Amino acid sequence: MSSEPRRRPIPLSGVAEELGRSLGWLHRHIRELREKHGFPRPLPGIGLYDPLAIDAWIARQRAEAAPQSPAADGPAADDWGAILDRRAKQIGAKGVRI
């Protein structure tokens, strides 16, 4: 992604490229991404995507996935197991034991 904000809307194939996925993969998963993860919808009337909205969505996903150190006002160490269990369920890793 460029350091300068892009202004032109992009097609779904461009979105797939931004995500590092194939267009076929994105077609198969777009509904789930929208419903479960708040993926942006295309711009009304033109069916293209706002690249800034895609960039913002990717940044949110990275922030949610990034490990965070427990802060004084954050969850206690005992709560991290529950937080990780919830996150695993969100991404569909049910029944996985480590």
N, C-alpha and C. Protein backbone atom coordinates (compact mmCIF):
# COMPACT_ATOMS: atom_id res chain seq x y z
N MET A 1 0.84 -1.19 0.00
CA MET A 1 0.00 0.00 0.00
C MET A 1 0.88 1.24 0.00
N SER A 2 0.43 2.20 -0.70
CA SER A 2 1.17 3.44 -0.84
C SER A 2 1.06 4.28 0.43
N SER A 3 2.08 5.14 0.67
CA SER A 3 2.02 6.01 1.83
C SER A 3 1.06 7.18 1.60
N GLU A 4 0.78 7.49 0.34
CA GLU A 4 -0.17 8.55 0.03
C GLU A 4 -1.56 7.94 -0.09
N PRO A 5 -2.57 8.62 0.47
CA PRO A 5 -3.93 8.08 0.35
C PRO A 5 -4.36 8.01 -1.11
N ARG A 6 -4.94 6.88 -1.48
CA ARG A 6 -5.49 6.73 -2.82
C ARG A 6 -6.91 7.26 -2.82
N ARG A 7 -7.30 7.85 -3.88
CA ARG A 7 -8.63 8.45 -3.95
C ARG A 7 -9.56 7.70 -4.89
N ARG A 8 -9.01 7.00 -5.87
CA ARG A 8 -9.85 6.32 -6.86
C ARG A 8 -10.40 5.02 -6.30
N PRO A 9 -11.68 4.79 -6.51
CA PRO A 9 -12.26 3.50 -6.11
C PRO A 9 -11.63 2.35 -6.89
N ILE A 10 -11.62 1.17 -6.28
CA ILE A 10 -11.00 0.00 -6.90
C ILE A 10 -12.02 -1.13 -7.04
N PRO A 11 -11.83 -1.99 -8.03
CA PRO A 11 -12.72 -3.15 -8.20
C PRO A 11 -12.39 -4.23 -7.18
N LEU A 12 -13.25 -5.24 -7.11
CA LEU A 12 -13.05 -6.34 -6.17
C LEU A 12 -11.71 -7.03 -6.40
N SER A 13 -11.25 -7.10 -7.65
CA SER A 13 -9.95 -7.72 -7.91
C SER A 13 -8.83 -6.93 -7.24
N GLY A 14 -8.96 -5.60 -7.18
CA GLY A 14 -7.99 -4.76 -6.48
C GLY A 14 -8.05 -4.97 -4.98
N VAL A 15 -9.25 -5.19 -4.47
CA VAL A 15 -9.42 -5.47 -3.05
C VAL A 15 -8.72 -6.79 -2.71
N ALA A 16 -8.92 -7.81 -3.55
CA ALA A 16 -8.27 -9.10 -3.33
C ALA A 16 -6.76 -8.93 -3.30
N GLU A 17 -6.25 -8.13 -4.21
CA GLU A 17 -4.80 -7.87 -4.25
C GLU A 17 -4.34 -7.21 -2.96
N GLU A 18 -5.09 -6.23 -2.48
CA GLU A 18 -4.73 -5.55 -1.22
C GLU A 18 -4.70 -6.53 -0.06
N LEU A 19 -5.59 -7.52 -0.08
CA LEU A 19 -5.66 -8.51 1.00
C LEU A 19 -4.65 -9.64 0.82
N GLY A 20 -4.01 -9.69 -0.33
CA GLY A 20 -3.07 -10.78 -0.59
C GLY A 20 -3.77 -12.10 -0.83
N ARG A 21 -4.98 -12.04 -1.36
CA ARG A 21 -5.79 -13.23 -1.63
C ARG A 21 -6.19 -13.25 -3.09
N SER A 22 -6.63 -14.42 -3.54
CA SER A 22 -7.12 -14.52 -4.91
C SER A 22 -8.53 -13.95 -4.98
N LEU A 23 -8.93 -13.59 -6.19
CA LEU A 23 -10.29 -13.10 -6.39
C LEU A 23 -11.30 -14.19 -6.05
N GLY A 24 -10.99 -15.43 -6.42
CA GLY A 24 -11.87 -16.55 -6.09
C GLY A 24 -12.06 -16.71 -4.59
N TRP A 25 -10.97 -16.59 -3.83
CA TRP A 25 -11.06 -16.69 -2.38
C TRP A 25 -11.97 -15.59 -1.84
N LEU A 26 -11.78 -14.38 -2.34
CA LEU A 26 -12.58 -13.26 -1.85
C LEU A 26 -14.05 -13.45 -2.19
N HIS A 27 -14.35 -13.95 -3.38
CA HIS A 27 -15.75 -14.23 -3.74
C HIS A 27 -16.36 -15.24 -2.76
N ARG A 28 -15.59 -16.25 -2.38
CA ARG A 28 -16.10 -17.28 -1.47
C ARG A 28 -16.28 -16.79 -0.04
N HIS A 29 -15.51 -15.79 0.37
CA HIS A 29 -15.51 -15.36 1.77
C HIS A 29 -16.08 -13.97 2.02
N ILE A 30 -16.49 -13.26 0.99
CA ILE A 30 -16.92 -11.86 1.17
C ILE A 30 -18.10 -11.73 2.13
N ARG A 31 -19.05 -12.62 2.04
CA ARG A 31 -20.22 -12.54 2.92
C ARG A 31 -19.81 -12.68 4.38
N GLU A 32 -18.99 -13.67 4.66
CA GLU A 32 -18.51 -13.89 6.04
C GLU A 32 -17.71 -12.69 6.53
N LEU A 33 -16.85 -12.15 5.68
CA LEU A 33 -16.05 -10.99 6.07
C LEU A 33 -16.95 -9.81 6.41
N ARG A 34 -18.03 -9.63 5.66
CA ARG A 34 -18.95 -8.52 5.94
C ARG A 34 -19.73 -8.76 7.22
N GLU A 35 -20.31 -9.95 7.33
CA GLU A 35 -21.19 -10.24 8.46
C GLU A 35 -20.46 -10.38 9.79
N LYS A 36 -19.32 -11.02 9.78
CA LYS A 36 -18.61 -11.31 11.03
C LYS A 36 -17.51 -10.31 11.37
N HIS A 37 -16.99 -9.62 10.35
CA HIS A 37 -15.83 -8.79 10.58
C HIS A 37 -15.98 -7.35 10.11
N GLY A 38 -17.19 -6.98 9.68
CA GLY A 38 -17.44 -5.59 9.31
C GLY A 38 -16.71 -5.10 8.06
N PHE A 39 -16.48 -6.02 7.11
CA PHE A 39 -15.79 -5.65 5.88
C PHE A 39 -16.60 -4.60 5.11
N PRO A 40 -15.93 -3.60 4.54
CA PRO A 40 -16.64 -2.53 3.83
C PRO A 40 -17.43 -3.04 2.62
N ARG A 41 -18.52 -2.37 2.35
CA ARG A 41 -19.33 -2.67 1.17
C ARG A 41 -18.87 -1.77 0.02
N PRO A 42 -19.22 -2.15 -1.20
CA PRO A 42 -18.85 -1.28 -2.33
C PRO A 42 -19.60 0.04 -2.26
N LEU A 43 -19.06 1.03 -2.93
CA LEU A 43 -19.70 2.34 -2.98
C LEU A 43 -21.02 2.23 -3.74
N PRO A 44 -22.07 2.85 -3.23
CA PRO A 44 -23.37 2.76 -3.90
C PRO A 44 -23.31 3.31 -5.32
N GLY A 45 -23.98 2.63 -6.21
CA GLY A 45 -24.13 3.11 -7.58
C GLY A 45 -23.01 2.74 -8.53
N ILE A 46 -21.80 2.51 -8.01
CA ILE A 46 -20.70 2.19 -8.92
C ILE A 46 -20.11 0.80 -8.68
N GLY A 47 -20.40 0.20 -7.54
CA GLY A 47 -19.93 -1.15 -7.27
C GLY A 47 -18.44 -1.29 -7.06
N LEU A 48 -17.74 -0.19 -6.89
CA LEU A 48 -16.31 -0.22 -6.61
C LEU A 48 -16.09 0.07 -5.13
N TYR A 49 -14.91 -0.23 -4.66
CA TYR A 49 -14.60 -0.10 -3.24
C TYR A 49 -13.72 1.12 -2.96
N ASP A 50 -13.96 1.73 -1.82
CA ASP A 50 -13.15 2.86 -1.37
C ASP A 50 -11.85 2.29 -0.79
N PRO A 51 -10.71 2.55 -1.42
CA PRO A 51 -9.46 1.98 -0.92
C PRO A 51 -9.10 2.45 0.49
N LEU A 52 -9.54 3.64 0.86
CA LEU A 52 -9.27 4.12 2.22
C LEU A 52 -10.07 3.32 3.24
N ALA A 53 -11.28 2.92 2.88
CA ALA A 53 -12.09 2.08 3.77
C ALA A 53 -11.46 0.70 3.91
N ILE A 54 -10.91 0.18 2.82
CA ILE A 54 -10.24 -1.12 2.87
C ILE A 54 -9.00 -1.03 3.76
N ASP A 55 -8.22 0.04 3.58
CA ASP A 55 -7.03 0.23 4.41
C ASP A 55 -7.40 0.33 5.89
N ALA A 56 -8.47 1.06 6.19
CA ALA A 56 -8.91 1.21 7.59
C ALA A 56 -9.35 -0.14 8.15
N TRP A 57 -10.04 -0.95 7.35
CA TRP A 57 -10.50 -2.26 7.80
C TRP A 57 -9.29 -3.15 8.11
N ILE A 58 -8.30 -3.14 7.22
CA ILE A 58 -7.09 -3.95 7.44
C ILE A 58 -6.40 -3.50 8.73
N ALA A 59 -6.31 -2.21 8.96
CA ALA A 59 -5.67 -1.69 10.18
C ALA A 59 -6.42 -2.17 11.42
N ARG A 60 -7.77 -2.16 11.37
CA ARG A 60 -8.56 -2.65 12.51
C ARG A 60 -8.31 -4.13 12.76
N GLN A 61 -8.23 -4.91 11.69
CA GLN A 61 -7.99 -6.34 11.84
C GLN A 61 -6.62 -6.60 12.46
N ARG A 62 -5.64 -5.84 12.03
CA ARG A 62 -4.29 -5.98 12.60
C ARG A 62 -4.29 -5.62 14.08
N ALA A 63 -4.99 -4.54 14.42
CA ALA A 63 -5.04 -4.10 15.82
C ALA A 63 -5.72 -5.15 16.69
N GLU A 64 -6.78 -5.76 16.18
CA GLU A 64 -7.48 -6.79 16.95
C GLU A 64 -6.64 -8.05 17.12
N ALA A 65 -5.84 -8.36 16.12
CA ALA A 65 -5.05 -9.58 16.15
C ALA A 65 -3.73 -9.42 16.89
N ALA A 66 -3.27 -8.17 17.04
CA ALA A 66 -1.97 -7.93 17.67
C ALA A 66 -2.02 -8.25 19.16
N PRO A 67 -1.02 -8.98 19.63
CA PRO A 67 -0.96 -9.23 21.07
C PRO A 67 -0.68 -7.93 21.81
N GLN A 68 -1.37 -7.76 22.88
CA GLN A 68 -1.19 -6.55 23.68
C GLN A 68 -0.72 -6.96 25.06
N SER A 69 0.20 -6.21 25.59
CA SER A 69 0.67 -6.53 26.93
C SER A 69 -0.37 -6.04 27.94
N PRO A 70 -0.53 -6.79 29.02
CA PRO A 70 -1.50 -6.37 30.03
C PRO A 70 -1.10 -5.02 30.62
N ALA A 71 -2.02 -4.10 30.63
CA ALA A 71 -1.78 -2.78 31.21
C ALA A 71 -2.41 -2.74 32.59
N ALA A 72 -2.08 -1.72 33.33
CA ALA A 72 -2.63 -1.59 34.68
C ALA A 72 -4.16 -1.56 34.65
N ASP A 73 -4.72 -0.95 33.62
CA ASP A 73 -6.18 -0.88 33.54
C ASP A 73 -6.74 -1.96 32.62
N GLY A 74 -5.87 -2.84 32.09
CA GLY A 74 -6.30 -3.90 31.19
C GLY A 74 -6.66 -5.16 31.95
N PRO A 75 -6.96 -6.24 31.24
CA PRO A 75 -7.34 -7.49 31.89
C PRO A 75 -6.19 -8.09 32.68
N ALA A 76 -6.53 -8.73 33.76
CA ALA A 76 -5.53 -9.44 34.56
C ALA A 76 -5.03 -10.63 33.76
N ALA A 77 -3.87 -11.14 34.15
CA ALA A 77 -3.27 -12.26 33.43
C ALA A 77 -4.23 -13.44 33.35
N ASP A 78 -5.04 -13.66 34.39
CA ASP A 78 -5.99 -14.77 34.39
C ASP A 78 -7.06 -14.61 33.32
N ASP A 79 -7.32 -13.38 32.88
CA ASP A 79 -8.35 -13.12 31.88
C ASP A 79 -7.87 -13.38 30.46
N TRP A 80 -6.57 -13.46 30.24
CA TRP A 80 -6.05 -13.61 28.88
C TRP A 80 -6.50 -14.91 28.25
N GLY A 81 -6.60 -15.98 29.03
CA GLY A 81 -7.08 -17.25 28.48
C GLY A 81 -8.49 -17.10 27.93
N ALA A 82 -9.35 -16.41 28.66
CA ALA A 82 -10.72 -16.19 28.21
C ALA A 82 -10.75 -15.31 26.96
N ILE A 83 -9.89 -14.30 26.93
CA ILE A 83 -9.82 -13.42 25.76
C ILE A 83 -9.37 -14.21 24.54
N LEU A 84 -8.35 -15.03 24.70
CA LEU A 84 -7.86 -15.83 23.58
C LEU A 84 -8.90 -16.86 23.13
N ASP A 85 -9.63 -17.45 24.07
CA ASP A 85 -10.69 -18.40 23.71
C ASP A 85 -11.77 -17.72 22.88
N ARG A 86 -12.17 -16.50 23.29
CA ARG A 86 -13.19 -15.76 22.52
C ARG A 86 -12.68 -15.45 21.12
N ARG A 87 -11.43 -15.04 21.02
CA ARG A 87 -10.86 -14.69 19.71
C ARG A 87 -10.79 -15.93 18.82
N ALA A 88 -10.40 -17.06 19.39
CA ALA A 88 -10.34 -18.30 18.61
C ALA A 88 -11.71 -18.67 18.08
N LYS A 89 -12.74 -18.50 18.89
CA LYS A 89 -14.10 -18.78 18.43
C LYS A 89 -14.51 -17.85 17.31
N GLN A 90 -14.10 -16.58 17.40
CA GLN A 90 -14.43 -15.61 16.36
C GLN A 90 -13.83 -15.99 15.02
N ILE A 91 -12.65 -16.57 15.04
CA ILE A 91 -12.01 -16.91 13.77
C ILE A 91 -12.23 -18.37 13.39
N GLY A 92 -13.06 -19.08 14.15
CA GLY A 92 -13.46 -20.41 13.76
C GLY A 92 -12.53 -21.53 14.17
N ALA A 93 -11.72 -21.34 15.19
CA ALA A 93 -10.79 -22.38 15.62
C ALA A 93 -11.39 -23.17 16.77
N LYS A 94 -12.61 -23.61 16.62
CA LYS A 94 -13.27 -24.35 17.69
C LYS A 94 -12.61 -25.71 17.90
N GLY A 95 -12.49 -26.07 19.12
CA GLY A 95 -11.97 -27.39 19.47
C GLY A 95 -10.46 -27.52 19.39
N VAL A 96 -9.77 -26.45 19.13
CA VAL A 96 -8.31 -26.51 19.04
C VAL A 96 -7.73 -26.43 20.44
N ARG A 97 -6.88 -27.35 20.78
CA ARG A 97 -6.22 -27.36 22.09
C ARG A 97 -4.73 -27.18 21.88
N ILE A 98 -4.13 -26.40 22.74
CA ILE A 98 -2.68 -26.18 22.66
C ILE A 98 -2.05 -26.69 23.93
